[in-house]
Protein backbone atom coordinates (compact mmCIF):
# COMPACT_ATOMS: atom_id res chain seq x y z
CA GLU A 1 144.22 28.52 90.45
CA VAL A 2 140.94 27.36 91.35
CA GLN A 3 137.70 29.96 90.19
CA LEU A 4 134.41 30.03 91.47
CA VAL A 5 132.38 33.10 90.38
CA GLU A 6 128.63 33.28 91.62
CA SER A 7 125.88 35.07 89.54
CA GLY A 8 122.25 35.35 89.51
CA GLY A 9 121.72 37.10 93.27
CA GLY A 10 119.00 40.35 93.41
CA LEU A 11 116.05 41.82 95.77
CA VAL A 12 113.02 39.41 95.28
CA GLN A 13 109.77 39.59 97.38
CA PRO A 14 108.86 36.83 99.67
CA GLY A 15 107.28 34.19 97.52
CA GLY A 16 109.53 34.56 94.58
CA SER A 17 112.29 32.77 93.07
CA LEU A 18 115.48 32.86 91.94
CA ARG A 19 118.10 30.98 89.74
CA LEU A 20 121.63 31.49 91.21
CA SER A 21 124.90 30.11 89.14
CA CYS A 22 128.32 29.20 89.91
CA ALA A 23 131.10 29.28 86.83
CA ALA A 24 133.78 27.02 88.07
CA SER A 25 137.60 26.88 86.82
CA GLY A 26 141.13 25.77 87.41
CA PHE A 27 140.39 22.18 88.55
CA ILE A 28 138.69 18.81 87.21
CA PHE A 29 135.22 20.38 87.93
CA SER A 30 133.33 16.73 87.02
CA THR A 31 135.53 15.15 89.88
CA LEU A 32 134.20 16.82 92.66
CA GLY A 33 131.45 17.12 95.21
CA MET A 34 130.24 20.88 95.50
CA SER A 35 128.11 22.57 97.76
CA TRP A 36 126.39 25.90 98.50
CA VAL A 37 126.73 27.66 101.74
CA ARG A 38 125.16 31.12 102.91
CA GLN A 39 125.79 33.77 105.70
CA ALA A 40 123.33 35.51 106.50
CA PRO A 41 124.38 39.44 108.06
CA GLY A 42 125.69 38.78 111.53
CA GLU A 43 126.50 35.15 111.11
CA GLY A 44 128.43 32.29 110.35
CA LEU A 45 128.91 30.15 106.87
CA GLU A 46 125.63 28.03 106.91
CA TRP A 47 125.42 24.95 104.82
CA VAL A 48 122.52 24.81 102.33
CA SER A 49 123.02 21.92 99.82
CA SER A 50 125.25 19.56 98.17
CA ILE A 51 125.68 17.51 94.56
CA THR A 52 127.82 14.55 94.22
CA ASP A 53 130.52 14.76 91.43
CA ASP A 54 128.39 13.27 88.43
CA GLY A 55 125.06 15.11 90.04
CA GLY A 56 123.20 11.43 90.92
CA ARG A 57 122.52 12.51 94.51
CA THR A 58 121.61 15.96 96.38
CA ALA A 59 121.02 16.83 99.88
CA TYR A 60 119.58 19.93 101.20
CA ALA A 61 119.19 21.71 104.88
CA ASP A 62 115.83 21.25 106.75
CA SER A 63 115.35 24.95 106.11
CA VAL A 64 115.29 25.00 102.38
CA LYS A 65 114.17 21.37 101.46
CA GLY A 66 111.22 21.38 98.90
CA ARG A 67 112.19 25.14 98.08
CA PHE A 68 115.79 24.78 96.50
CA THR A 69 117.22 22.74 93.91
CA MET A 70 120.57 22.17 92.98
CA SER A 71 121.98 21.15 89.80
CA ARG A 72 125.23 20.87 87.87
CA ASP A 73 126.02 20.73 84.46
CA ASN A 74 129.60 19.38 83.95
CA ALA A 75 129.85 20.34 80.14
CA LYS A 76 129.99 23.57 81.25
CA ASN A 77 131.78 23.75 84.64
CA THR A 78 128.53 25.20 86.06
CA LEU A 79 126.89 24.83 89.41
CA TYR A 80 123.18 26.27 89.76
CA LEU A 81 120.88 26.40 92.59
CA GLU A 82 117.11 27.05 91.86
CA MET A 83 115.15 28.74 94.94
CA ASN A 84 111.63 28.95 95.07
CA ASN A 85 109.14 30.32 97.69
CA LEU A 86 111.90 32.73 98.87
CA GLU A 87 111.38 33.60 102.71
CA PRO A 88 113.36 36.92 104.58
CA GLU A 89 115.21 34.10 106.30
CA ASP A 90 116.92 32.96 103.07
CA THR A 91 118.32 36.73 103.04
CA ALA A 92 122.27 36.32 102.62
CA VAL A 93 125.43 35.93 100.81
CA TYR A 94 125.34 32.50 98.99
CA TYR A 95 128.38 30.80 97.99
CA CYS A 96 129.23 27.63 95.94
CA ALA A 97 132.19 25.68 97.47
CA GLN A 98 134.52 22.94 96.89
CA GLY A 99 133.35 19.41 98.67
CA GLY A 100 130.05 18.19 99.82
CA SER A 101 128.31 18.41 102.93
CA THR A 102 131.12 17.07 105.08
CA THR A 103 134.12 18.26 103.66
CA TRP A 104 133.27 21.89 102.00
CA ARG A 105 134.02 23.87 105.46
CA ALA A 106 137.63 21.78 105.75
CA ARG A 107 138.71 22.70 101.93
CA ARG A 108 137.78 26.37 102.74
CA SER A 109 137.27 27.16 99.08
CA TRP A 110 134.45 29.27 97.82
CA GLY A 111 133.69 32.17 95.71
CA ARG A 112 132.94 35.73 96.14
CA GLY A 113 129.24 34.92 96.76
CA THR A 114 126.22 36.62 95.53
CA GLN A 115 123.57 38.54 97.42
CA VAL A 116 120.23 37.39 97.88
CA THR A 117 117.50 39.90 99.82
CA VAL A 118 113.92 38.97 100.27
CA SER A 119 111.99 41.82 101.42
CA SER A 120 108.68 43.27 100.37
């Protein structure tokens, strides 16, 4: 059974930082591209970033480019999202998802999410 468990969310002031983690199990993590997606209140799922299976390439939505960094540790089956210079518009539930930028939605496989709230 595939399990994706996100952690690291919380309340942070504008300009602050958070590091999200996603522990993966139930599949061969090192063979699959992965993504972070988010859902703001009242909105649909929005793609944030993706990383290739070996971690060699990443891609980001324009809204987070230069502020967020995605990485992975295949030895630990863990995905990360380093978020800096956070803005109120980043407030959302963040999910890690199986698949890359063009496949995550069709795979429909993500965790329960972790809440990120950016507010003063």
